[in-house]
């Protein structure tokens, strides 16, 4: 008899395999820097962008509507930002909270920054994760099968945010 539970054998995600087969070119040192330069070799689902920062969908979201606020300047710590840059970053985080409440109507929102691999950092470039949390996030798939179910496609989520992009504009006037 096998130690494998049935769902470990029969859950498929063909899109994930397709993505994993795409390698980041060796000359790209930082995915966020490549996104900020509009390098077409990396996926970028931007909701807002200006000269200082970009608000992008996480292409591997923790939850439906997961956004990241990313300074375009390559830094990996808040201490590398001057006072104005730090204030601009968090002024946008505040607006992202507002757009998520308006567009996604979550029960709560998690905001986080990971400094260092031991803390969960996967990209060595400062970015603030803003993740909407919903009342019924723990259904059968999540509880019994340890599988996250996303209720909307990334493109649909992006379109919904773009419809209310006005909330993000003028964050630093």
N, C-alpha and C. Protein backbone atom coordinates (compact mmCIF):
# COMPACT_ATOMS: atom_id res chain seq x y z
N UNK A 1 0.83 -1.19 0.00
CA UNK A 1 0.00 0.00 0.00
C UNK A 1 0.88 1.25 0.00
N UNK A 2 0.47 2.27 -0.72
CA UNK A 2 1.23 3.50 -0.86
C UNK A 2 0.94 4.48 0.28
N UNK A 3 1.93 5.28 0.62
CA UNK A 3 1.74 6.35 1.60
C UNK A 3 1.12 7.59 0.96
N UNK A 4 0.99 7.59 -0.34
CA UNK A 4 0.43 8.73 -1.06
C UNK A 4 -1.07 8.78 -0.88
N UNK A 5 -1.56 9.94 -0.48
CA UNK A 5 -3.01 10.14 -0.36
C UNK A 5 -3.56 10.39 -1.76
N UNK A 6 -4.80 10.01 -2.03
CA UNK A 6 -5.34 10.11 -3.39
C UNK A 6 -5.20 11.50 -4.02
N UNK A 7 -5.45 12.56 -3.28
CA UNK A 7 -5.41 13.89 -3.88
C UNK A 7 -4.00 14.31 -4.27
N UNK A 8 -2.97 13.72 -3.65
CA UNK A 8 -1.61 14.05 -4.03
C UNK A 8 -1.29 13.55 -5.43
N UNK A 9 -2.00 12.56 -5.86
CA UNK A 9 -1.79 11.98 -7.18
C UNK A 9 -2.65 12.65 -8.25
N UNK A 10 -3.81 13.17 -7.88
CA UNK A 10 -4.79 13.58 -8.87
C UNK A 10 -5.07 15.08 -8.98
N UNK A 11 -4.34 15.92 -8.28
CA UNK A 11 -4.51 17.36 -8.45
C UNK A 11 -3.54 17.84 -9.52
N UNK A 12 -4.06 18.56 -10.49
CA UNK A 12 -3.22 19.05 -11.58
C UNK A 12 -3.26 20.56 -11.67
N UNK A 13 -2.18 21.15 -12.13
CA UNK A 13 -2.11 22.57 -12.41
C UNK A 13 -1.21 22.76 -13.63
N UNK A 14 -1.75 22.51 -14.83
CA UNK A 14 -0.91 22.59 -16.03
C UNK A 14 -0.29 23.97 -16.24
N UNK A 15 -0.98 25.03 -15.82
CA UNK A 15 -0.44 26.38 -15.99
C UNK A 15 0.84 26.56 -15.18
N UNK A 16 0.88 25.98 -14.00
CA UNK A 16 2.06 26.08 -13.15
C UNK A 16 3.26 25.42 -13.82
N UNK A 17 3.06 24.27 -14.43
CA UNK A 17 4.16 23.58 -15.10
C UNK A 17 4.69 24.44 -16.25
N UNK A 18 3.78 25.03 -16.99
CA UNK A 18 4.19 25.89 -18.11
C UNK A 18 5.04 27.04 -17.59
N UNK A 19 4.63 27.67 -16.48
CA UNK A 19 5.39 28.77 -15.91
C UNK A 19 6.76 28.30 -15.42
N UNK A 20 6.80 27.17 -14.73
CA UNK A 20 8.06 26.68 -14.19
C UNK A 20 9.05 26.32 -15.27
N UNK A 21 8.57 26.02 -16.47
CA UNK A 21 9.46 25.70 -17.58
C UNK A 21 10.09 26.94 -18.21
N UNK A 22 9.60 28.11 -17.85
CA UNK A 22 10.17 29.35 -18.37
C UNK A 22 11.25 29.80 -17.40
N UNK A 23 12.47 29.83 -17.84
CA UNK A 23 13.56 30.23 -16.98
C UNK A 23 13.81 31.71 -17.13
N UNK A 24 14.20 32.34 -16.04
CA UNK A 24 14.59 33.75 -16.08
C UNK A 24 15.97 33.80 -16.71
N UNK A 25 16.14 34.62 -17.74
CA UNK A 25 17.44 34.71 -18.41
C UNK A 25 18.56 35.07 -17.42
N UNK A 26 19.75 34.54 -17.66
CA UNK A 26 20.89 34.75 -16.77
C UNK A 26 21.25 36.22 -16.59
N UNK A 27 20.98 37.05 -17.60
CA UNK A 27 21.36 38.45 -17.50
C UNK A 27 20.37 39.29 -16.69
N UNK A 28 19.29 38.67 -16.19
CA UNK A 28 18.34 39.38 -15.33
C UNK A 28 18.71 39.06 -13.89
N UNK A 29 19.25 40.05 -13.19
CA UNK A 29 19.67 39.85 -11.81
C UNK A 29 18.52 40.04 -10.84
N UNK A 30 17.53 40.87 -11.20
CA UNK A 30 16.43 41.17 -10.30
C UNK A 30 15.14 41.27 -11.11
N UNK A 31 14.16 40.44 -10.77
CA UNK A 31 12.89 40.42 -11.50
C UNK A 31 12.18 41.77 -11.38
N UNK A 32 12.18 42.37 -10.19
CA UNK A 32 11.49 43.66 -10.04
C UNK A 32 12.17 44.77 -10.83
N UNK A 33 13.49 44.75 -10.88
CA UNK A 33 14.20 45.74 -11.70
C UNK A 33 13.87 45.53 -13.18
N UNK A 34 13.80 44.28 -13.61
CA UNK A 34 13.43 43.98 -14.99
C UNK A 34 12.00 44.45 -15.27
N UNK A 35 11.09 44.23 -14.32
CA UNK A 35 9.72 44.71 -14.49
C UNK A 35 9.69 46.23 -14.59
N UNK A 36 10.45 46.90 -13.75
CA UNK A 36 10.42 48.37 -13.76
C UNK A 36 10.97 48.93 -15.07
N UNK A 37 11.81 48.15 -15.75
CA UNK A 37 12.37 48.56 -17.04
C UNK A 37 11.54 48.01 -18.20
N UNK A 38 10.38 47.41 -17.89
CA UNK A 38 9.48 46.84 -18.89
C UNK A 38 10.15 45.79 -19.77
N UNK A 39 11.00 44.99 -19.18
CA UNK A 39 11.64 43.89 -19.89
C UNK A 39 10.57 42.86 -20.24
N UNK A 40 10.35 42.63 -21.50
CA UNK A 40 9.28 41.74 -21.95
C UNK A 40 9.53 40.27 -21.64
N UNK A 41 10.70 39.95 -21.14
CA UNK A 41 11.00 38.56 -20.81
C UNK A 41 10.46 38.15 -19.45
N UNK A 42 9.95 39.11 -18.68
CA UNK A 42 9.36 38.80 -17.37
C UNK A 42 7.92 39.29 -17.35
N UNK A 43 7.08 38.54 -16.66
CA UNK A 43 5.67 38.88 -16.53
C UNK A 43 5.51 40.06 -15.58
N UNK A 44 4.68 41.00 -15.99
CA UNK A 44 4.39 42.16 -15.15
C UNK A 44 2.91 42.47 -15.29
N UNK A 45 2.19 42.38 -14.18
CA UNK A 45 0.77 42.71 -14.16
C UNK A 45 0.60 43.96 -13.32
N UNK A 46 0.88 45.09 -13.95
CA UNK A 46 0.89 46.38 -13.26
C UNK A 46 -0.52 46.94 -13.10
N UNK A 47 -0.76 47.53 -11.94
CA UNK A 47 -2.02 48.22 -11.66
C UNK A 47 -1.78 49.73 -11.64
N UNK A 48 -0.59 50.13 -11.21
CA UNK A 48 -0.21 51.54 -11.16
C UNK A 48 1.31 51.63 -11.23
N UNK A 49 1.78 52.75 -11.81
CA UNK A 49 3.22 52.94 -11.93
C UNK A 49 3.51 54.42 -12.09
N UNK A 50 4.59 54.87 -11.46
CA UNK A 50 5.09 56.22 -11.70
C UNK A 50 6.61 56.16 -11.69
N UNK A 51 7.28 57.31 -11.57
CA UNK A 51 8.73 57.32 -11.63
C UNK A 51 9.39 56.64 -10.43
N UNK A 52 8.70 56.53 -9.30
CA UNK A 52 9.29 56.00 -8.08
C UNK A 52 8.92 54.55 -7.78
N UNK A 53 7.68 54.15 -8.04
CA UNK A 53 7.24 52.82 -7.63
C UNK A 53 6.26 52.22 -8.61
N UNK A 54 5.97 50.95 -8.37
CA UNK A 54 4.94 50.27 -9.15
C UNK A 54 4.11 49.43 -8.18
N UNK A 55 2.83 49.29 -8.51
CA UNK A 55 1.92 48.41 -7.79
C UNK A 55 1.59 47.30 -8.76
N UNK A 56 1.98 46.07 -8.40
CA UNK A 56 1.81 44.94 -9.31
C UNK A 56 1.12 43.78 -8.59
N UNK A 57 0.41 42.99 -9.38
CA UNK A 57 -0.16 41.75 -8.84
C UNK A 57 0.95 40.74 -8.64
N UNK A 58 0.88 40.02 -7.55
CA UNK A 58 1.79 38.90 -7.34
C UNK A 58 1.33 37.78 -8.27
N UNK A 59 2.22 37.28 -9.13
CA UNK A 59 1.80 36.24 -10.07
C UNK A 59 1.70 34.88 -9.40
N UNK A 60 2.18 34.77 -8.16
CA UNK A 60 1.95 33.59 -7.32
C UNK A 60 1.26 34.08 -6.05
N UNK A 61 0.00 34.51 -6.16
CA UNK A 61 -0.66 35.18 -5.03
C UNK A 61 -0.92 34.26 -3.85
N UNK A 62 -0.82 34.84 -2.66
CA UNK A 62 -1.22 34.12 -1.45
C UNK A 62 -2.73 34.05 -1.37
N UNK A 63 -3.39 35.03 -2.01
CA UNK A 63 -4.84 35.09 -2.01
C UNK A 63 -5.30 35.93 -3.20
N UNK A 64 -6.54 35.80 -3.58
CA UNK A 64 -7.10 36.58 -4.68
C UNK A 64 -7.00 38.07 -4.37
N UNK A 65 -6.37 38.82 -5.26
CA UNK A 65 -6.25 40.27 -5.08
C UNK A 65 -4.94 40.71 -4.46
N UNK A 66 -3.98 39.79 -4.28
CA UNK A 66 -2.69 40.07 -3.64
C UNK A 66 -1.88 41.06 -4.50
N UNK A 67 -1.58 42.21 -3.91
CA UNK A 67 -0.79 43.24 -4.58
C UNK A 67 0.54 43.43 -3.88
N UNK A 68 1.51 43.97 -4.62
CA UNK A 68 2.81 44.32 -4.05
C UNK A 68 3.13 45.76 -4.44
N UNK A 69 3.67 46.51 -3.49
CA UNK A 69 4.14 47.86 -3.74
C UNK A 69 5.67 47.78 -3.78
N UNK A 70 6.24 48.16 -4.93
CA UNK A 70 7.66 47.92 -5.17
C UNK A 70 8.34 49.22 -5.61
N UNK A 71 9.32 49.70 -4.83
CA UNK A 71 10.09 50.85 -5.32
C UNK A 71 10.90 50.43 -6.54
N UNK A 72 11.04 51.32 -7.50
CA UNK A 72 11.81 51.00 -8.70
C UNK A 72 13.31 51.02 -8.42
N UNK A 73 13.72 51.79 -7.44
CA UNK A 73 15.12 51.85 -7.02
C UNK A 73 15.47 50.49 -6.40
N UNK A 74 16.59 49.91 -6.82
CA UNK A 74 16.97 48.60 -6.29
C UNK A 74 17.55 48.77 -4.89
N UNK A 75 16.70 48.49 -3.91
CA UNK A 75 17.10 48.47 -2.50
C UNK A 75 16.53 47.20 -1.89
N UNK A 76 17.09 46.79 -0.76
CA UNK A 76 16.58 45.59 -0.13
C UNK A 76 16.27 45.80 1.34
N UNK A 77 16.15 47.05 1.75
CA UNK A 77 15.87 47.35 3.14
C UNK A 77 15.26 48.74 3.24
N UNK A 78 14.42 48.92 4.23
CA UNK A 78 13.84 50.25 4.46
C UNK A 78 14.91 51.27 4.80
N UNK A 79 16.00 50.85 5.44
CA UNK A 79 17.05 51.79 5.82
C UNK A 79 17.79 52.35 4.60
N UNK A 80 17.62 51.72 3.45
CA UNK A 80 18.24 52.22 2.22
C UNK A 80 17.41 53.31 1.55
N UNK A 81 16.22 53.57 2.06
CA UNK A 81 15.37 54.64 1.53
C UNK A 81 15.58 55.91 2.35
N UNK A 82 15.52 57.05 1.66
CA UNK A 82 15.53 58.29 2.43
C UNK A 82 14.12 58.53 2.97
N UNK A 83 13.94 59.56 3.79
CA UNK A 83 12.66 59.79 4.44
C UNK A 83 11.52 59.97 3.43
N UNK A 84 11.76 60.74 2.38
CA UNK A 84 10.71 60.96 1.38
C UNK A 84 10.35 59.67 0.67
N UNK A 85 11.34 58.88 0.30
CA UNK A 85 11.07 57.61 -0.38
C UNK A 85 10.26 56.68 0.51
N UNK A 86 10.65 56.58 1.78
CA UNK A 86 9.90 55.73 2.72
C UNK A 86 8.47 56.24 2.86
N UNK A 87 8.30 57.53 2.97
CA UNK A 87 6.95 58.09 3.12
C UNK A 87 6.11 57.86 1.87
N UNK A 88 6.72 57.98 0.71
CA UNK A 88 5.99 57.71 -0.54
C UNK A 88 5.57 56.24 -0.61
N UNK A 89 6.47 55.35 -0.24
CA UNK A 89 6.17 53.92 -0.27
C UNK A 89 4.95 53.62 0.60
N UNK A 90 4.93 54.13 1.82
CA UNK A 90 3.83 53.81 2.72
C UNK A 90 2.57 54.62 2.43
N UNK A 91 2.71 55.76 1.78
CA UNK A 91 1.52 56.48 1.30
C UNK A 91 0.80 55.62 0.26
N UNK A 92 1.58 54.93 -0.58
CA UNK A 92 0.97 54.04 -1.57
C UNK A 92 0.40 52.79 -0.91
N UNK A 93 1.08 52.24 0.08
CA UNK A 93 0.54 51.08 0.78
C UNK A 93 -0.84 51.43 1.35
N UNK A 94 -0.97 52.63 1.88
CA UNK A 94 -2.27 53.08 2.41
C UNK A 94 -3.32 53.12 1.30
N UNK A 95 -2.97 53.61 0.13
CA UNK A 95 -3.91 53.65 -1.00
C UNK A 95 -4.24 52.24 -1.48
N UNK A 96 -3.27 51.34 -1.45
CA UNK A 96 -3.52 49.95 -1.86
C UNK A 96 -4.52 49.30 -0.91
N UNK A 97 -4.38 49.58 0.38
CA UNK A 97 -5.39 49.09 1.32
C UNK A 97 -6.78 49.60 0.92
N UNK A 98 -6.84 50.87 0.57
CA UNK A 98 -8.13 51.47 0.18
C UNK A 98 -8.71 50.81 -1.07
N UNK A 99 -7.88 50.60 -2.09
CA UNK A 99 -8.41 50.00 -3.33
C UNK A 99 -8.82 48.55 -3.08
N UNK A 100 -8.09 47.83 -2.24
CA UNK A 100 -8.49 46.46 -1.95
C UNK A 100 -9.83 46.42 -1.21
N UNK A 101 -10.02 47.33 -0.27
CA UNK A 101 -11.30 47.36 0.45
C UNK A 101 -12.45 47.71 -0.50
N UNK A 102 -12.20 48.60 -1.44
CA UNK A 102 -13.22 49.02 -2.40
C UNK A 102 -13.53 47.92 -3.42
N UNK A 103 -12.51 47.32 -3.99
CA UNK A 103 -12.67 46.38 -5.10
C UNK A 103 -12.93 44.95 -4.63
N UNK A 104 -12.24 44.51 -3.58
CA UNK A 104 -12.31 43.11 -3.15
C UNK A 104 -13.18 42.90 -1.92
N UNK A 105 -13.43 43.93 -1.13
CA UNK A 105 -14.25 43.85 0.08
C UNK A 105 -13.81 42.69 0.99
N UNK A 106 -12.52 42.68 1.38
CA UNK A 106 -12.04 41.59 2.22
C UNK A 106 -12.49 41.75 3.68
N UNK A 107 -12.43 40.67 4.42
CA UNK A 107 -12.72 40.72 5.86
C UNK A 107 -11.53 41.31 6.62
N UNK A 108 -10.35 41.22 6.03
CA UNK A 108 -9.14 41.77 6.63
C UNK A 108 -8.06 41.88 5.58
N UNK A 109 -6.94 42.47 5.95
CA UNK A 109 -5.81 42.64 5.03
C UNK A 109 -4.52 42.40 5.81
N UNK A 110 -3.64 41.59 5.25
CA UNK A 110 -2.30 41.41 5.81
C UNK A 110 -1.34 42.28 5.01
N UNK A 111 -0.45 42.99 5.73
CA UNK A 111 0.60 43.79 5.10
C UNK A 111 1.92 43.30 5.65
N UNK A 112 2.87 43.01 4.76
CA UNK A 112 4.13 42.48 5.25
C UNK A 112 5.31 42.74 4.35
N UNK A 113 6.49 42.72 4.98
CA UNK A 113 7.77 42.84 4.28
C UNK A 113 8.67 41.75 4.85
N UNK A 114 9.35 41.02 3.98
CA UNK A 114 10.28 39.98 4.41
C UNK A 114 11.70 40.46 4.14
N UNK A 115 12.53 40.49 5.18
CA UNK A 115 13.94 40.86 5.04
C UNK A 115 14.79 39.63 5.26
N UNK A 116 15.38 39.10 4.21
CA UNK A 116 16.24 37.92 4.31
C UNK A 116 15.51 36.63 4.03
N UNK A 117 16.24 35.69 3.49
CA UNK A 117 15.69 34.39 3.12
C UNK A 117 15.05 33.68 4.31
N UNK A 118 15.67 33.76 5.48
CA UNK A 118 15.14 33.10 6.67
C UNK A 118 13.77 33.66 7.06
N UNK A 119 13.49 34.89 6.64
CA UNK A 119 12.20 35.53 6.95
C UNK A 119 11.19 35.34 5.82
N UNK A 120 11.56 34.58 4.80
CA UNK A 120 10.63 34.30 3.71
C UNK A 120 10.86 35.12 2.46
N UNK A 121 11.92 35.90 2.43
CA UNK A 121 12.21 36.72 1.25
C UNK A 121 12.61 35.82 0.07
N UNK A 122 11.91 35.99 -1.06
CA UNK A 122 12.25 35.20 -2.24
C UNK A 122 12.89 36.06 -3.33
N UNK A 123 12.69 37.36 -3.28
CA UNK A 123 13.31 38.29 -4.23
C UNK A 123 14.03 39.36 -3.41
N UNK A 124 15.32 39.52 -3.67
CA UNK A 124 16.12 40.46 -2.89
C UNK A 124 15.95 41.88 -3.44
N UNK A 125 14.76 42.39 -3.28
CA UNK A 125 14.42 43.76 -3.68
C UNK A 125 13.23 44.13 -2.80
N UNK A 126 13.33 45.23 -2.09
CA UNK A 126 12.28 45.65 -1.17
C UNK A 126 10.92 45.67 -1.86
N UNK A 127 9.94 45.04 -1.24
CA UNK A 127 8.57 45.10 -1.72
C UNK A 127 7.63 44.83 -0.55
N UNK A 128 6.50 45.52 -0.57
CA UNK A 128 5.51 45.39 0.49
C UNK A 128 4.36 44.55 -0.05
N UNK A 129 4.08 43.44 0.63
CA UNK A 129 2.98 42.55 0.26
C UNK A 129 1.70 43.07 0.91
N UNK A 130 0.64 43.21 0.13
CA UNK A 130 -0.66 43.63 0.68
C UNK A 130 -1.67 42.57 0.22
N UNK A 131 -2.12 41.75 1.18
CA UNK A 131 -2.89 40.55 0.87
C UNK A 131 -4.28 40.62 1.49
N UNK A 132 -5.33 40.67 0.66
CA UNK A 132 -6.69 40.63 1.22
C UNK A 132 -7.01 39.25 1.79
N UNK A 133 -7.73 39.24 2.91
CA UNK A 133 -8.13 38.01 3.57
C UNK A 133 -9.66 37.98 3.61
N UNK A 134 -10.24 36.84 3.26
CA UNK A 134 -11.69 36.71 3.16
C UNK A 134 -12.23 35.78 4.24
N UNK A 135 -13.49 35.98 4.60
CA UNK A 135 -14.14 35.19 5.65
C UNK A 135 -14.05 33.69 5.40
N UNK A 136 -14.28 33.26 4.19
CA UNK A 136 -14.36 31.82 3.90
C UNK A 136 -13.12 31.34 3.15
N UNK A 137 -11.95 31.74 3.62
CA UNK A 137 -10.70 31.33 2.98
C UNK A 137 -10.34 29.88 3.24
N UNK A 138 -10.92 29.26 4.22
CA UNK A 138 -10.56 27.89 4.57
C UNK A 138 -11.70 26.94 4.24
N UNK A 139 -11.82 26.60 2.97
CA UNK A 139 -12.82 25.64 2.54
C UNK A 139 -12.24 24.24 2.51
N UNK A 140 -12.95 23.34 1.86
CA UNK A 140 -12.55 21.93 1.79
C UNK A 140 -11.15 21.78 1.18
N UNK A 141 -10.93 22.43 0.04
CA UNK A 141 -9.65 22.26 -0.66
C UNK A 141 -8.49 22.72 0.22
N UNK A 142 -8.65 23.87 0.87
CA UNK A 142 -7.57 24.41 1.69
C UNK A 142 -7.34 23.56 2.95
N UNK A 143 -8.43 23.13 3.59
CA UNK A 143 -8.33 22.40 4.85
C UNK A 143 -7.93 20.95 4.65
N UNK A 144 -8.63 20.25 3.81
CA UNK A 144 -8.39 18.81 3.65
C UNK A 144 -7.27 18.50 2.66
N UNK A 145 -7.14 19.33 1.63
CA UNK A 145 -6.20 19.00 0.56
C UNK A 145 -4.98 19.91 0.52
N UNK A 146 -4.92 20.89 1.43
CA UNK A 146 -3.80 21.83 1.47
C UNK A 146 -3.55 22.45 0.09
N UNK A 147 -4.63 22.85 -0.57
CA UNK A 147 -4.58 23.43 -1.90
C UNK A 147 -5.35 24.73 -1.91
N UNK A 148 -4.71 25.80 -2.33
CA UNK A 148 -5.37 27.11 -2.37
C UNK A 148 -6.21 27.22 -3.63
N UNK A 149 -7.44 27.69 -3.47
CA UNK A 149 -8.33 27.90 -4.60
C UNK A 149 -8.44 29.40 -4.85
N UNK A 150 -8.08 29.83 -6.06
CA UNK A 150 -8.22 31.23 -6.44
C UNK A 150 -9.55 31.38 -7.17
N UNK A 151 -10.31 32.37 -6.77
CA UNK A 151 -11.67 32.52 -7.27
C UNK A 151 -11.76 33.32 -8.57
N UNK A 152 -10.68 34.01 -8.93
CA UNK A 152 -10.65 34.80 -10.16
C UNK A 152 -9.28 34.66 -10.81
N UNK A 153 -9.23 34.84 -12.12
CA UNK A 153 -7.94 34.83 -12.82
C UNK A 153 -7.17 36.09 -12.48
N UNK A 154 -5.85 36.04 -12.65
CA UNK A 154 -5.03 37.22 -12.41
C UNK A 154 -5.46 38.38 -13.30
N UNK A 155 -5.77 38.09 -14.56
CA UNK A 155 -6.16 39.15 -15.48
C UNK A 155 -7.49 39.79 -15.07
N UNK A 156 -8.44 38.99 -14.58
CA UNK A 156 -9.71 39.55 -14.12
C UNK A 156 -9.51 40.42 -12.88
N UNK A 157 -8.67 39.96 -11.97
CA UNK A 157 -8.37 40.76 -10.77
C UNK A 157 -7.73 42.08 -11.19
N UNK A 158 -6.79 42.01 -12.12
CA UNK A 158 -6.12 43.23 -12.61
C UNK A 158 -7.13 44.19 -13.22
N UNK A 159 -8.01 43.70 -14.05
CA UNK A 159 -9.03 44.56 -14.67
C UNK A 159 -9.91 45.22 -13.61
N UNK A 160 -10.29 44.47 -12.58
CA UNK A 160 -11.10 45.04 -11.51
C UNK A 160 -10.37 46.17 -10.80
N UNK A 161 -9.08 45.98 -10.54
CA UNK A 161 -8.29 47.04 -9.91
C UNK A 161 -8.13 48.24 -10.86
N UNK A 162 -7.89 47.98 -12.13
CA UNK A 162 -7.71 49.08 -13.08
C UNK A 162 -8.97 49.94 -13.19
N UNK A 163 -10.14 49.33 -13.00
CA UNK A 163 -11.38 50.09 -13.02
C UNK A 163 -11.42 51.14 -11.91
N UNK A 164 -10.67 50.93 -10.84
CA UNK A 164 -10.63 51.88 -9.71
C UNK A 164 -9.22 52.44 -9.47
N UNK A 165 -8.43 52.48 -10.53
CA UNK A 165 -7.06 52.99 -10.47
C UNK A 165 -7.01 54.41 -9.92
N UNK A 166 -8.11 55.15 -10.05
CA UNK A 166 -8.17 56.52 -9.55
C UNK A 166 -7.84 56.61 -8.06
N UNK A 167 -8.11 55.56 -7.31
CA UNK A 167 -7.81 55.54 -5.87
C UNK A 167 -6.30 55.66 -5.64
N UNK A 168 -5.51 55.10 -6.54
CA UNK A 168 -4.05 55.10 -6.38
C UNK A 168 -3.41 56.38 -6.88
N UNK A 169 -4.05 57.04 -7.80
CA UNK A 169 -3.48 58.24 -8.40
C UNK A 169 -3.44 59.39 -7.39
N UNK A 170 -2.44 60.23 -7.50
CA UNK A 170 -2.33 61.38 -6.62
C UNK A 170 -1.93 61.04 -5.20
N UNK A 171 -1.35 59.87 -5.00
CA UNK A 171 -0.94 59.46 -3.65
C UNK A 171 0.16 60.34 -3.08
N UNK A 172 0.90 61.02 -3.96
CA UNK A 172 2.01 61.84 -3.50
C UNK A 172 2.00 63.21 -4.20
N UNK A 173 0.96 63.94 -3.93
CA UNK A 173 0.85 65.29 -4.54
C UNK A 173 1.36 66.35 -3.60
